[in-house]
């Protein structure tokens, strides 16, 4: 498990999450997108595969089929959900 900071530009917010770095990034994106919908009080009525998770420091788009561990993501890493 790693503690990451996720920026949500659409919300203008940054939130901290503890995530399992060994699960596919697509699963993490699904969870984050669901949280955004809850925050906006909107039903999940879109394809979560339209979101991307990016490393804010390296500006690299993370492949949804890979795992955070494959990118060396560690505690305190800042990611963007766009």
PDB file of N, CA and C in Angstrom:
ATOM      1  N   UNK A   1       0.839  -1.176   0.000  1.00  0.00           N
ATOM      2  CA  UNK A   1       0.000   0.000   0.000  1.00  0.00           C
ATOM      3  C   UNK A   1       0.888   1.245   0.000  1.00  0.00           C
ATOM      4  N   UNK A   2       0.474   2.224  -0.791  1.00  0.00           N
ATOM      5  CA  UNK A   2       1.182   3.501  -0.832  1.00  0.00           C
ATOM      6  C   UNK A   2       0.177   4.622  -0.621  1.00  0.00           C
ATOM      7  N   UNK A   3       0.647   5.722  -0.076  1.00  0.00           N
ATOM      8  CA  UNK A   3      -0.165   6.911   0.129  1.00  0.00           C
ATOM      9  C   UNK A   3       0.190   7.898  -0.969  1.00  0.00           C
ATOM     10  N   UNK A   4      -0.796   8.211  -1.821  1.00  0.00           N
ATOM     11  CA  UNK A   4      -0.560   9.119  -2.946  1.00  0.00           C
ATOM     12  C   UNK A   4      -1.445  10.351  -2.809  1.00  0.00           C
ATOM     13  N   UNK A   5      -1.031  11.431  -3.434  1.00  0.00           N
ATOM     14  CA  UNK A   5      -1.830  12.645  -3.541  1.00  0.00           C
ATOM     15  C   UNK A   5      -2.382  12.679  -4.953  1.00  0.00           C
ATOM     16  N   UNK A   6      -3.687  12.836  -5.075  1.00  0.00           N
ATOM     17  CA  UNK A   6      -4.304  12.882  -6.398  1.00  0.00           C
ATOM     18  C   UNK A   6      -4.946  14.245  -6.587  1.00  0.00           C
ATOM     19  N   UNK A   7      -4.507  14.947  -7.628  1.00  0.00           N
ATOM     20  CA  UNK A   7      -5.102  16.229  -8.006  1.00  0.00           C
ATOM     21  C   UNK A   7      -6.264  15.960  -8.943  1.00  0.00           C
ATOM     22  N   UNK A   8      -7.378  16.624  -8.677  1.00  0.00           N
ATOM     23  CA  UNK A   8      -8.560  16.548  -9.536  1.00  0.00           C
ATOM     24  C   UNK A   8      -8.770  17.938 -10.120  1.00  0.00           C
ATOM     25  N   UNK A   9      -8.164  18.246 -11.276  1.00  0.00           N
ATOM     26  CA  UNK A   9      -8.285  19.584 -11.848  1.00  0.00           C
ATOM     27  C   UNK A   9      -9.735  20.025 -12.045  1.00  0.00           C
ATOM     28  N   UNK A  10     -10.620  19.098 -12.380  1.00  0.00           N
ATOM     29  CA  UNK A  10     -12.022  19.453 -12.608  1.00  0.00           C
ATOM     30  C   UNK A  10     -12.699  19.935 -11.326  1.00  0.00           C
ATOM     31  N   UNK A  11     -12.204  19.475 -10.178  1.00  0.00           N
ATOM     32  CA  UNK A  11     -12.775  19.876  -8.894  1.00  0.00           C
ATOM     33  C   UNK A  11     -11.964  20.971  -8.220  1.00  0.00           C
ATOM     34  N   UNK A  12     -10.748  21.166  -8.700  1.00  0.00           N
ATOM     35  CA  UNK A  12      -9.864  22.124  -8.049  1.00  0.00           C
ATOM     36  C   UNK A  12      -9.425  21.644  -6.673  1.00  0.00           C
ATOM     37  N   UNK A  13      -9.306  20.326  -6.508  1.00  0.00           N
ATOM     38  CA  UNK A  13      -8.962  19.753  -5.213  1.00  0.00           C
ATOM     39  C   UNK A  13      -7.851  18.722  -5.341  1.00  0.00           C
ATOM     40  N   UNK A  14      -7.169  18.521  -4.225  1.00  0.00           N
ATOM     41  CA  UNK A  14      -6.189  17.447  -4.092  1.00  0.00           C
ATOM     42  C   UNK A  14      -6.611  16.602  -2.904  1.00  0.00           C
ATOM     43  N   UNK A  15      -6.590  15.287  -3.073  1.00  0.00           N
ATOM     44  CA  UNK A  15      -6.974  14.373  -1.997  1.00  0.00           C
ATOM     45  C   UNK A  15      -5.898  13.311  -1.826  1.00  0.00           C
ATOM     46  N   UNK A  16      -5.782  12.813  -0.610  1.00  0.00           N
ATOM     47  CA  UNK A  16      -4.832  11.744  -0.290  1.00  0.00           C
ATOM     48  C   UNK A  16      -5.551  10.410  -0.316  1.00  0.00           C
ATOM     49  N   UNK A  17      -4.902   9.408  -0.876  1.00  0.00           N
ATOM     50  CA  UNK A  17      -5.472   8.067  -0.946  1.00  0.00           C
ATOM     51  C   UNK A  17      -4.409   7.037  -0.616  1.00  0.00           C
ATOM     52  N   UNK A  18      -4.840   5.989   0.066  1.00  0.00           N
ATOM     53  CA  UNK A  18      -3.984   4.828   0.279  1.00  0.00           C
ATOM     54  C   UNK A  18      -4.462   3.785  -0.719  1.00  0.00           C
ATOM     55  N   UNK A  19      -3.576   3.386  -1.623  1.00  0.00           N
ATOM     56  CA  UNK A  19      -3.942   2.440  -2.679  1.00  0.00           C
ATOM     57  C   UNK A  19      -2.946   1.288  -2.723  1.00  0.00           C
ATOM     58  N   UNK A  20      -3.412   0.196  -3.274  1.00  0.00           N
ATOM     59  CA  UNK A  20      -2.572  -0.987  -3.461  1.00  0.00           C
ATOM     60  C   UNK A  20      -1.811  -0.814  -4.772  1.00  0.00           C
ATOM     61  N   UNK A  21      -0.504  -0.729  -4.680  1.00  0.00           N
ATOM     62  CA  UNK A  21       0.316  -0.484  -5.875  1.00  0.00           C
ATOM     63  C   UNK A  21       0.444  -1.706  -6.767  1.00  0.00           C
ATOM     64  N   UNK A  22      -0.155  -2.835  -6.360  1.00  0.00           N
ATOM     65  CA  UNK A  22      -0.045  -4.055  -7.162  1.00  0.00           C
ATOM     66  C   UNK A  22      -1.311  -4.365  -7.962  1.00  0.00           C
ATOM     67  N   UNK A  23      -2.311  -3.485  -7.912  1.00  0.00           N
ATOM     68  CA  UNK A  23      -3.525  -3.695  -8.718  1.00  0.00           C
ATOM     69  C   UNK A  23      -3.394  -2.889 -10.009  1.00  0.00           C
ATOM     70  N   UNK A  24      -4.083  -3.294 -11.069  1.00  0.00           N
ATOM     71  CA  UNK A  24      -4.019  -2.523 -12.313  1.00  0.00           C
ATOM     72  C   UNK A  24      -4.502  -1.082 -12.107  1.00  0.00           C
ATOM     73  N   UNK A  25      -3.854  -0.163 -12.782  1.00  0.00           N
ATOM     74  CA  UNK A  25      -4.193   1.253 -12.682  1.00  0.00           C
ATOM     75  C   UNK A  25      -5.636   1.498 -13.098  1.00  0.00           C
ATOM     76  N   UNK A  26      -6.163   0.700 -14.018  1.00  0.00           N
ATOM     77  CA  UNK A  26      -7.560   0.868 -14.442  1.00  0.00           C
ATOM     78  C   UNK A  26      -8.510   0.733 -13.253  1.00  0.00           C
ATOM     79  N   UNK A  27      -8.215  -0.165 -12.323  1.00  0.00           N
ATOM     80  CA  UNK A  27      -9.044  -0.321 -11.131  1.00  0.00           C
ATOM     81  C   UNK A  27      -8.971   0.893 -10.224  1.00  0.00           C
ATOM     82  N   UNK A  28      -7.793   1.486 -10.125  1.00  0.00           N
ATOM     83  CA  UNK A  28      -7.619   2.693  -9.315  1.00  0.00           C
ATOM     84  C   UNK A  28      -8.376   3.850  -9.953  1.00  0.00           C
ATOM     85  N   UNK A  29      -8.302   3.967 -11.273  1.00  0.00           N
ATOM     86  CA  UNK A  29      -9.039   5.020 -11.982  1.00  0.00           C
ATOM     87  C   UNK A  29     -10.535   4.868 -11.736  1.00  0.00           C
ATOM     88  N   UNK A  30     -11.052   3.636 -11.803  1.00  0.00           N
ATOM     89  CA  UNK A  30     -12.477   3.399 -11.552  1.00  0.00           C
ATOM     90  C   UNK A  30     -12.878   3.901 -10.168  1.00  0.00           C
ATOM     91  N   UNK A  31     -12.076   3.572  -9.161  1.00  0.00           N
ATOM     92  CA  UNK A  31     -12.375   3.998  -7.794  1.00  0.00           C
ATOM     93  C   UNK A  31     -12.328   5.516  -7.659  1.00  0.00           C
ATOM     94  N   UNK A  32     -11.302   6.133  -8.247  1.00  0.00           N
ATOM     95  CA  UNK A  32     -11.172   7.588  -8.159  1.00  0.00           C
ATOM     96  C   UNK A  32     -12.320   8.288  -8.877  1.00  0.00           C
ATOM     97  N   UNK A  33     -12.713   7.773 -10.045  1.00  0.00           N
ATOM     98  CA  UNK A  33     -13.819   8.366 -10.795  1.00  0.00           C
ATOM     99  C   UNK A  33     -15.121   8.261 -10.005  1.00  0.00           C
ATOM    100  N   UNK A  34     -15.323   7.141  -9.326  1.00  0.00           N
ATOM    101  CA  UNK A  34     -16.516   6.976  -8.492  1.00  0.00           C
ATOM    102  C   UNK A  34     -16.530   7.987  -7.352  1.00  0.00           C
ATOM    103  N   UNK A  35     -15.360   8.227  -6.760  1.00  0.00           N
ATOM    104  CA  UNK A  35     -15.272   9.210  -5.684  1.00  0.00           C
ATOM    105  C   UNK A  35     -15.588  10.610  -6.184  1.00  0.00           C
ATOM    106  N   UNK A  36     -15.140  10.934  -7.387  1.00  0.00           N
ATOM    107  CA  UNK A  36     -15.448  12.241  -7.973  1.00  0.00           C
ATOM    108  C   UNK A  36     -16.955  12.387  -8.143  1.00  0.00           C
ATOM    109  N   UNK A  37     -17.607  11.339  -8.628  1.00  0.00           N
ATOM    110  CA  UNK A  37     -19.062  11.386  -8.814  1.00  0.00           C
ATOM    111  C   UNK A  37     -19.781  11.573  -7.486  1.00  0.00           C
ATOM    112  N   UNK A  38     -19.306  10.895  -6.448  1.00  0.00           N
ATOM    113  CA  UNK A  38     -19.907  11.068  -5.127  1.00  0.00           C
ATOM    114  C   UNK A  38     -19.737  12.500  -4.649  1.00  0.00           C
ATOM    115  N   UNK A  39     -18.557  13.042  -4.862  1.00  0.00           N
ATOM    116  CA  UNK A  39     -18.269  14.414  -4.440  1.00  0.00           C
ATOM    117  C   UNK A  39     -19.182  15.402  -5.162  1.00  0.00           C
ATOM    118  N   UNK A  40     -19.415  15.144  -6.444  1.00  0.00           N
ATOM    119  CA  UNK A  40     -20.279  16.018  -7.244  1.00  0.00           C
ATOM    120  C   UNK A  40     -21.754  15.667  -7.088  1.00  0.00           C
ATOM    121  N   UNK A  41     -22.029  14.598  -6.340  1.00  0.00           N
ATOM    122  CA  UNK A  41     -23.386  14.093  -6.142  1.00  0.00           C
ATOM    123  C   UNK A  41     -24.053  13.777  -7.473  1.00  0.00           C
ATOM    124  N   UNK A  42     -23.286  13.126  -8.326  1.00  0.00           N
ATOM    125  CA  UNK A  42     -23.765  12.713  -9.645  1.00  0.00           C
ATOM    126  C   UNK A  42     -23.628  11.203  -9.765  1.00  0.00           C
ATOM    127  N   UNK A  43     -24.556  10.554 -10.474  1.00  0.00           N
ATOM    128  CA  UNK A  43     -24.391   9.116 -10.705  1.00  0.00           C
ATOM    129  C   UNK A  43     -23.236   8.859 -11.670  1.00  0.00           C
ATOM    130  N   UNK A  44     -22.649   7.680 -11.551  1.00  0.00           N
ATOM    131  CA  UNK A  44     -21.578   7.307 -12.482  1.00  0.00           C
ATOM    132  C   UNK A  44     -22.250   6.965 -13.801  1.00  0.00           C
ATOM    133  N   UNK A  45     -22.343   7.937 -14.696  1.00  0.00           N
ATOM    134  CA  UNK A  45     -23.027   7.735 -15.965  1.00  0.00           C
ATOM    135  C   UNK A  45     -22.102   7.928 -17.145  1.00  0.00           C
ATOM    136  N   UNK A  46     -20.853   7.527 -16.989  1.00  0.00           N
ATOM    137  CA  UNK A  46     -19.868   7.711 -18.050  1.00  0.00           C
ATOM    138  C   UNK A  46     -18.900   6.547 -18.031  1.00  0.00           C
ATOM    139  N   UNK A  47     -18.125   6.453 -19.055  1.00  0.00           N
ATOM    140  CA  UNK A  47     -17.106   5.407 -19.139  1.00  0.00           C
ATOM    141  C   UNK A  47     -15.869   5.864 -18.370  1.00  0.00           C
ATOM    142  N   UNK A  48     -15.502   5.117 -17.342  1.00  0.00           N
ATOM    143  CA  UNK A  48     -14.326   5.515 -16.570  1.00  0.00           C
ATOM    144  C   UNK A  48     -13.042   5.352 -17.365  1.00  0.00           C
ATOM    145  N   UNK A  49     -13.104   4.607 -18.475  1.00  0.00           N
ATOM    146  CA  UNK A  49     -11.893   4.472 -19.292  1.00  0.00           C
ATOM    147  C   UNK A  49     -11.591   5.747 -20.070  1.00  0.00           C
ATOM    148  N   UNK A  50     -12.452   6.757 -19.936  1.00  0.00           N
ATOM    149  CA  UNK A  50     -12.166   8.037 -20.576  1.00  0.00           C
ATOM    150  C   UNK A  50     -11.247   8.895 -19.703  1.00  0.00           C
ATOM    151  N   UNK A  51     -10.990   8.448 -18.466  1.00  0.00           N
ATOM    152  CA  UNK A  51     -10.082   9.161 -17.576  1.00  0.00           C
ATOM    153  C   UNK A  51      -8.664   8.636 -17.734  1.00  0.00           C
ATOM    154  N   UNK A  52      -7.712   9.505 -17.454  1.00  0.00           N
ATOM    155  CA  UNK A  52      -6.298   9.133 -17.462  1.00  0.00           C
ATOM    156  C   UNK A  52      -5.696   9.484 -16.117  1.00  0.00           C
ATOM    157  N   UNK A  53      -4.753   8.689 -15.683  1.00  0.00           N
ATOM    158  CA  UNK A  53      -3.995   8.984 -14.482  1.00  0.00           C
ATOM    159  C   UNK A  53      -2.582   9.331 -14.925  1.00  0.00           C
ATOM    160  N   UNK A  54      -2.100  10.473 -14.477  1.00  0.00           N
ATOM    161  CA  UNK A  54      -0.791  10.973 -14.904  1.00  0.00           C
ATOM    162  C   UNK A  54       0.085  11.241 -13.687  1.00  0.00           C
ATOM    163  N   UNK A  55       1.380  11.045 -13.846  1.00  0.00           N
ATOM    164  CA  UNK A  55       2.341  11.406 -12.819  1.00  0.00           C
ATOM    165  C   UNK A  55       2.596  12.901 -12.958  1.00  0.00           C
ATOM    166  N   UNK A  56       2.272  13.665 -11.928  1.00  0.00           N
ATOM    167  CA  UNK A  56       2.395  15.121 -11.996  1.00  0.00           C
ATOM    168  C   UNK A  56       3.846  15.573 -12.080  1.00  0.00           C
ATOM    169  N   UNK A  57       4.761  14.792 -11.507  1.00  0.00           N
ATOM    170  CA  UNK A  57       6.167  15.191 -11.498  1.00  0.00           C
ATOM    171  C   UNK A  57       6.860  14.925 -12.828  1.00  0.00           C
ATOM    172  N   UNK A  58       6.574  13.764 -13.420  1.00  0.00           N
ATOM    173  CA  UNK A  58       7.241  13.398 -14.673  1.00  0.00           C
ATOM    174  C   UNK A  58       6.401  13.722 -15.903  1.00  0.00           C
ATOM    175  N   UNK A  59       5.126  14.088 -15.683  1.00  0.00           N
ATOM    176  CA  UNK A  59       4.164  14.378 -16.753  1.00  0.00           C
ATOM    177  C   UNK A  59       3.932  13.166 -17.652  1.00  0.00           C
ATOM    178  N   UNK A  60       4.091  11.976 -17.085  1.00  0.00           N
ATOM    179  CA  UNK A  60       3.897  10.733 -17.823  1.00  0.00           C
ATOM    180  C   UNK A  60       2.470  10.238 -17.633  1.00  0.00           C
ATOM    181  N   UNK A  61       1.831   9.840 -18.724  1.00  0.00           N
ATOM    182  CA  UNK A  61       0.514   9.216 -18.656  1.00  0.00           C
ATOM    183  C   UNK A  61       0.726   7.750 -18.302  1.00  0.00           C
ATOM    184  N   UNK A  62       0.028   7.290 -17.266  1.00  0.00           N
ATOM    185  CA  UNK A  62       0.200   5.921 -16.789  1.00  0.00           C
ATOM    186  C   UNK A  62      -0.714   4.971 -17.557  1.00  0.00           C
ATOM    187  N   UNK A  63      -0.134   3.894 -18.045  1.00  0.00           N
ATOM    188  CA  UNK A  63      -0.873   2.884 -18.799  1.00  0.00           C
ATOM    189  C   UNK A  63      -1.841   2.174 -17.853  1.00  0.00           C
ATOM    190  N   UNK A  64      -3.158   2.186 -18.152  1.00  0.00           N
ATOM    191  CA  UNK A  64      -4.144   1.564 -17.263  1.00  0.00           C
ATOM    192  C   UNK A  64      -3.945   0.069 -17.058  1.00  0.00           C
ATOM    193  N   UNK A  65      -3.242  -0.579 -17.968  1.00  0.00           N
ATOM    194  CA  UNK A  65      -3.027  -2.022 -17.850  1.00  0.00           C
ATOM    195  C   UNK A  65      -1.858  -2.367 -16.928  1.00  0.00           C
ATOM    196  N   UNK A  66      -1.049  -1.372 -16.607  1.00  0.00           N
ATOM    197  CA  UNK A  66       0.097  -1.600 -15.723  1.00  0.00           C
ATOM    198  C   UNK A  66      -0.295  -1.327 -14.276  1.00  0.00           C
ATOM    199  N   UNK A  67       0.661  -1.491 -13.389  1.00  0.00           N
ATOM    200  CA  UNK A  67       0.455  -1.266 -11.961  1.00  0.00           C
ATOM    201  C   UNK A  67       1.329  -0.104 -11.504  1.00  0.00           C
ATOM    202  N   UNK A  68       0.904   0.570 -10.441  1.00  0.00           N
ATOM    203  CA  UNK A  68       1.683   1.695  -9.926  1.00  0.00           C
ATOM    204  C   UNK A  68       3.111   1.280  -9.596  1.00  0.00           C
ATOM    205  N   UNK A  69       3.273   0.063  -9.092  1.00  0.00           N
ATOM    206  CA  UNK A  69       4.607  -0.425  -8.724  1.00  0.00           C
ATOM    207  C   UNK A  69       5.543  -0.450  -9.926  1.00  0.00           C
ATOM    208  N   UNK A  70       5.001  -0.689 -11.113  1.00  0.00           N
ATOM    209  CA  UNK A  70       5.827  -0.738 -12.323  1.00  0.00           C
ATOM    210  C   UNK A  70       6.379   0.637 -12.688  1.00  0.00           C
ATOM    211  N   UNK A  71       5.752   1.688 -12.176  1.00  0.00           N
ATOM    212  CA  UNK A  71       6.217   3.047 -12.432  1.00  0.00           C
ATOM    213  C   UNK A  71       7.052   3.592 -11.271  1.00  0.00           C
ATOM    214  N   UNK A  72       7.255   2.774 -10.249  1.00  0.00           N
ATOM    215  CA  UNK A  72       8.027   3.229  -9.096  1.00  0.00           C
ATOM    216  C   UNK A  72       7.280   4.231  -8.236  1.00  0.00           C
ATOM    217  N   UNK A  73       5.958   4.204  -8.294  1.00  0.00           N
ATOM    218  CA  UNK A  73       5.148   5.121  -7.491  1.00  0.00           C
ATOM    219  C   UNK A  73       5.328   4.759  -6.020  1.00  0.00           C
ATOM    220  N   UNK A  74       5.625   5.774  -5.207  1.00  0.00           N
ATOM    221  CA  UNK A  74       5.859   5.545  -3.784  1.00  0.00           C
ATOM    222  C   UNK A  74       5.093   6.578  -2.967  1.00  0.00           C
ATOM    223  N   UNK A  75       5.163   6.452  -1.656  1.00  0.00           N
ATOM    224  CA  UNK A  75       4.462   7.381  -0.771  1.00  0.00           C
ATOM    225  C   UNK A  75       4.774   8.825  -1.140  1.00  0.00           C
ATOM    226  N   UNK A  76       3.724   9.633  -1.204  1.00  0.00           N
ATOM    227  CA  UNK A  76       3.889  11.053  -1.477  1.00  0.00           C
ATOM    228  C   UNK A  76       3.891  11.429  -2.946  1.00  0.00           C
ATOM    229  N   UNK A  77       3.830  10.448  -3.835  1.00  0.00           N
ATOM    230  CA  UNK A  77       3.791  10.754  -5.266  1.00  0.00           C
ATOM    231  C   UNK A  77       2.500  11.497  -5.578  1.00  0.00           C
ATOM    232  N   UNK A  78       2.604  12.508  -6.419  1.00  0.00           N
ATOM    233  CA  UNK A  78       1.438  13.309  -6.807  1.00  0.00           C
ATOM    234  C   UNK A  78       0.997  12.898  -8.202  1.00  0.00           C
ATOM    235  N   UNK A  79      -0.270  12.501  -8.312  1.00  0.00           N
ATOM    236  CA  UNK A  79      -0.854  12.079  -9.582  1.00  0.00           C
ATOM    237  C   UNK A  79      -2.002  13.004  -9.949  1.00  0.00           C
ATOM    238  N   UNK A  80      -2.338  13.022 -11.225  1.00  0.00           N
ATOM    239  CA  UNK A  80      -3.470  13.810 -11.731  1.00  0.00           C
ATOM    240  C   UNK A  80      -4.485  12.874 -12.351  1.00  0.00           C
ATOM    241  N   UNK A  81      -5.763  13.086 -12.049  1.00  0.00           N
ATOM    242  CA  UNK A  81      -6.829  12.360 -12.730  1.00  0.00           C
ATOM    243  C   UNK A  81      -7.464  13.330 -13.708  1.00  0.00           C
ATOM    244  N   UNK A  82      -7.283  13.061 -14.997  1.00  0.00           N
ATOM    245  CA  UNK A  82      -7.813  13.954 -16.041  1.00  0.00           C
ATOM    246  C   UNK A  82      -8.652  13.173 -17.026  1.00  0.00           C
TER     247      UNK A  82
END
